[in-house]
Amino acid sequence: MGIENYLCVVQDLNFPKFDYRFKSTENKVSIFDIIRKKFVVLQPEEWVRQHCVHYLISEKKYPKSLINVEKELTVNGLKKRYDIVVFNPDGSIFLIVECKAPKIKINQDTFDQIARYNMTLNATYLMVTNGINHYYCQMDVEAQHYDFLKEIPDYN
């Protein structure tokens, strides 16, 4: 499928528009990931992930150097992959983002998934998005719960 045909299928998301680099090889369309510095196959979840990365950098002013994408972690002895992590300058984790494809409904299972990841990562903030709906939480580690927010803070 050519890039033109694929772009007709890629839907608008509830994020600001950004300039993307695409390429097509072996009938697969890829999008350039500015964090991983490589082209990755464009799937619906990747479309959301790339929008979110650009949103964090352009709108929230998080430095690219503090953002990590698609890394493995071990949760309860199982290997998992997080979508996006934003670090504090001291190396602790500021934010974990869980991205879902636009057609995936955000529900309690999604929050349970990111909460399990956070038991290992200990982030201050959590974000869950399917590109259409975004949910933000601040962790209260002492009380072992999260408080919903209207927005995540900008980078200071």
Protein backbone atom coordinates (compact mmCIF):
# COMPACT_ATOMS: atom_id res chain seq x y z
CA MET A 1 0.00 0.00 0.00
CA GLY A 2 1.45 3.39 -0.96
CA ILE A 3 1.81 6.20 1.53
CA GLU A 4 -1.00 8.20 -0.10
CA ASN A 5 -3.44 5.31 0.33
CA TYR A 6 -2.37 4.70 3.91
CA LEU A 7 -2.70 8.35 4.93
CA CYS A 8 -6.35 8.27 3.92
CA VAL A 9 -6.84 5.57 6.55
CA VAL A 10 -4.88 7.30 9.34
CA GLN A 11 -7.38 9.22 11.40
CA ASP A 12 -7.23 12.66 12.96
CA LEU A 13 -6.42 12.56 16.65
CA ASN A 14 -7.14 14.88 19.54
CA PHE A 15 -3.57 16.25 19.46
CA PRO A 16 -2.05 19.23 17.65
CA LYS A 17 -0.93 18.54 14.07
CA PHE A 18 2.75 17.85 13.48
CA ASP A 19 5.06 17.31 10.52
CA TYR A 20 5.91 13.64 10.11
CA ARG A 21 8.34 11.81 7.90
CA PHE A 22 6.98 8.70 6.23
CA LYS A 23 8.51 6.07 4.00
CA SER A 24 7.15 3.03 2.26
CA THR A 25 9.12 -0.19 1.85
CA GLU A 26 7.97 -3.73 1.11
CA ASN A 27 4.30 -2.68 1.24
CA LYS A 28 4.74 -1.26 4.75
CA VAL A 29 4.46 2.40 5.67
CA SER A 30 6.81 3.61 8.40
CA ILE A 31 6.95 6.83 10.39
CA PHE A 32 10.14 8.42 11.71
CA ASP A 33 10.44 8.31 15.51
CA ILE A 34 12.46 11.34 16.68
CA ILE A 35 13.26 9.66 20.01
CA ARG A 36 14.44 6.28 18.67
CA LYS A 37 15.92 8.06 15.63
CA LYS A 38 14.62 5.45 13.20
CA PHE A 39 11.61 4.59 11.06
CA VAL A 40 9.06 2.31 12.74
CA VAL A 41 6.12 0.53 11.11
CA LEU A 42 3.05 2.74 11.23
CA GLN A 43 0.30 0.96 13.14
CA PRO A 44 -2.68 2.70 14.81
CA GLU A 45 -1.02 2.60 18.25
CA GLU A 46 2.23 3.95 16.78
CA TRP A 47 0.28 6.83 15.21
CA VAL A 48 -1.00 7.71 18.71
CA ARG A 49 2.47 7.25 20.27
CA GLN A 50 4.11 9.59 17.75
CA HIS A 51 1.45 12.25 18.27
CA CYS A 52 1.91 11.98 22.02
CA VAL A 53 5.72 12.28 21.79
CA HIS A 54 5.40 15.41 19.66
CA TYR A 55 2.78 16.81 22.06
CA LEU A 56 5.09 16.28 25.05
CA ILE A 57 7.98 18.00 23.26
CA SER A 58 6.17 20.83 21.42
CA GLU A 59 3.32 21.66 23.78
CA LYS A 60 4.58 20.58 27.20
CA LYS A 61 8.22 21.48 26.48
CA TYR A 62 9.74 18.23 27.78
CA PRO A 63 13.32 17.83 26.50
CA LYS A 64 13.79 15.03 23.97
CA SER A 65 16.77 13.85 26.02
CA LEU A 66 14.46 12.97 28.95
CA ILE A 67 11.99 10.92 26.86
CA ASN A 68 12.25 7.17 26.31
CA VAL A 69 10.01 5.15 23.98
CA GLU A 70 9.10 1.43 23.92
CA LYS A 71 11.53 -0.05 26.43
CA GLU A 72 11.24 -3.36 28.21
CA LEU A 73 10.55 -3.67 31.92
CA THR A 74 9.82 -6.61 34.20
CA VAL A 75 6.53 -6.58 36.11
CA ASN A 76 5.86 -9.49 38.49
CA GLY A 77 8.48 -11.55 36.66
CA LEU A 78 6.90 -10.89 33.25
CA LYS A 79 8.57 -8.90 30.49
CA LYS A 80 6.44 -5.94 29.37
CA ARG A 81 7.05 -2.83 27.26
CA TYR A 82 6.06 0.67 28.20
CA ASP A 83 5.06 3.15 25.51
CA ILE A 84 6.58 6.43 26.71
CA VAL A 85 8.47 7.43 29.84
CA VAL A 86 9.61 10.94 30.72
CA PHE A 87 12.45 11.12 33.23
CA ASN A 88 13.33 13.81 35.73
CA PRO A 89 16.86 15.20 35.35
CA ASP A 90 17.91 13.10 38.39
CA GLY A 91 16.91 9.88 36.58
CA SER A 92 13.70 9.24 38.52
CA ILE A 93 10.54 8.85 36.45
CA PHE A 94 8.25 11.84 36.05
CA LEU A 95 5.61 10.41 33.68
CA ILE A 96 4.52 7.10 32.16
CA VAL A 97 2.27 7.19 29.09
CA GLU A 98 0.22 4.22 27.94
CA CYS A 99 -0.92 4.55 24.31
CA LYS A 100 -3.73 2.56 22.76
CA ALA A 101 -5.03 2.50 19.21
CA PRO A 102 -7.88 4.98 18.59
CA LYS A 103 -10.49 2.20 18.35
CA ILE A 104 -9.51 0.81 21.78
CA LYS A 105 -11.78 2.08 24.55
CA ILE A 106 -9.96 3.32 27.65
CA ASN A 107 -11.31 1.39 30.63
CA GLN A 108 -10.34 0.13 34.09
CA ASP A 109 -8.11 -2.56 32.54
CA THR A 110 -6.03 0.18 30.89
CA PHE A 111 -5.57 1.94 34.23
CA ASP A 112 -4.76 -1.36 35.93
CA GLN A 113 -2.08 -2.00 33.28
CA ILE A 114 -0.36 1.35 33.80
CA ALA A 115 -0.70 1.03 37.60
CA ARG A 116 1.11 -2.35 37.41
CA TYR A 117 3.88 -0.75 35.36
CA ASN A 118 4.09 2.03 37.89
CA MET A 119 4.65 -0.40 40.76
CA THR A 120 8.04 -0.99 39.10
CA LEU A 121 8.68 2.51 37.70
CA ASN A 122 7.31 4.76 40.49
CA ALA A 123 6.31 7.68 38.26
CA THR A 124 4.74 10.83 39.69
CA TYR A 125 2.28 11.19 36.79
CA LEU A 126 0.42 8.77 34.53
CA MET A 127 -1.20 9.45 31.18
CA VAL A 128 -3.45 7.09 29.25
CA THR A 129 -4.51 7.96 25.71
CA ASN A 130 -6.04 6.41 22.64
CA GLY A 131 -5.38 9.61 20.72
CA ILE A 132 -9.00 10.68 21.09
CA ASN A 133 -9.42 10.62 24.88
CA HIS A 134 -6.60 11.51 27.26
CA TYR A 135 -6.60 10.81 31.00
CA TYR A 136 -4.05 12.20 33.42
CA CYS A 137 -3.36 11.15 37.01
CA GLN A 138 -1.01 12.15 39.77
CA MET A 139 0.16 9.33 42.01
CA ASP A 140 -0.20 9.52 45.76
CA VAL A 141 2.27 6.81 46.72
CA GLU A 142 1.61 7.05 50.48
CA ALA A 143 -2.16 6.59 50.09
CA GLN A 144 -1.66 4.11 47.20
CA HIS A 145 -4.10 5.79 44.82
CA TYR A 146 -4.14 8.25 41.95
CA ASP A 147 -5.95 11.56 41.58
CA PHE A 148 -7.29 12.51 38.16
CA LEU A 149 -6.09 15.79 36.68
CA LYS A 150 -7.31 17.99 33.83
CA GLU A 151 -3.77 18.15 32.40
CA ILE A 152 -0.21 17.08 33.11
CA PRO A 153 2.17 19.88 34.11
CA ASP A 154 4.45 21.60 31.65
CA TYR A 155 8.17 20.98 31.99
CA ASN A 156 9.75 23.45 34.45
